[in-house]
Amino acid sequence: MTDPNAEDRDVDHASGFMNRIAQGGPVATVAVVLVALLIAAWLVGLLR
């Protein structure tokens, strides 16, 4: 059985996450940047 509302819930969850970041101020921004840098460094390591 697939849940017809699952996709909407995922979108709501994602937008809620973004809203929390937007309201979190500088600390949340720094955290997101650090995660992005970690992912980028990991990808560069894979591609080398």
Protein backbone atom coordinates (compact mmCIF):
# COMPACT_ATOMS: atom_id res chain seq x y z
CA MET A 1 0.00 0.00 0.00
CA THR A 2 1.38 3.40 -0.96
CA ASP A 3 0.34 6.44 1.00
CA PRO A 4 -1.07 9.10 -1.36
CA ASN A 5 -0.16 11.82 1.14
CA ALA A 6 3.45 10.70 1.63
CA GLU A 7 4.80 13.04 -1.05
CA ASP A 8 2.97 16.04 0.38
CA ARG A 9 4.29 15.19 3.84
CA ASP A 10 7.86 15.03 2.50
CA VAL A 11 7.43 18.45 0.89
CA ASP A 12 5.99 19.87 4.11
CA HIS A 13 8.86 18.40 6.11
CA ALA A 14 11.46 19.86 3.72
CA SER A 15 9.86 23.31 3.70
CA GLY A 16 9.54 23.22 7.48
CA PHE A 17 13.25 22.38 7.70
CA MET A 18 14.09 25.33 5.44
CA ASN A 19 11.86 27.62 7.51
CA ARG A 20 13.61 26.51 10.68
CA ILE A 21 16.97 27.34 9.07
CA ALA A 22 15.65 30.72 7.92
CA GLN A 23 14.43 31.50 11.46
CA GLY A 24 17.51 30.02 13.13
CA GLY A 25 19.72 32.96 12.22
CA PRO A 26 23.52 32.85 11.92
CA VAL A 27 24.07 29.62 13.85
CA ALA A 28 21.84 27.64 11.48
CA THR A 29 23.48 29.31 8.47
CA VAL A 30 26.96 28.35 9.67
CA ALA A 31 25.81 24.78 10.31
CA VAL A 32 24.38 24.49 6.79
CA VAL A 33 27.55 25.92 5.23
CA LEU A 34 29.71 23.47 7.19
CA VAL A 35 27.59 20.52 6.07
CA ALA A 36 27.75 21.74 2.46
CA LEU A 37 31.54 22.03 2.68
CA LEU A 38 31.82 18.53 4.16
CA ILE A 39 29.71 17.08 1.35
CA ALA A 40 31.73 18.99 -1.27
CA ALA A 41 35.03 17.79 0.23
CA TRP A 42 33.73 14.22 0.30
CA LEU A 43 32.68 14.41 -3.35
CA VAL A 44 36.07 15.86 -4.36
CA GLY A 45 37.74 13.01 -2.48
CA LEU A 46 35.62 10.49 -4.38
CA LEU A 47 36.40 12.07 -7.74
CA ARG A 48 40.17 12.15 -7.24
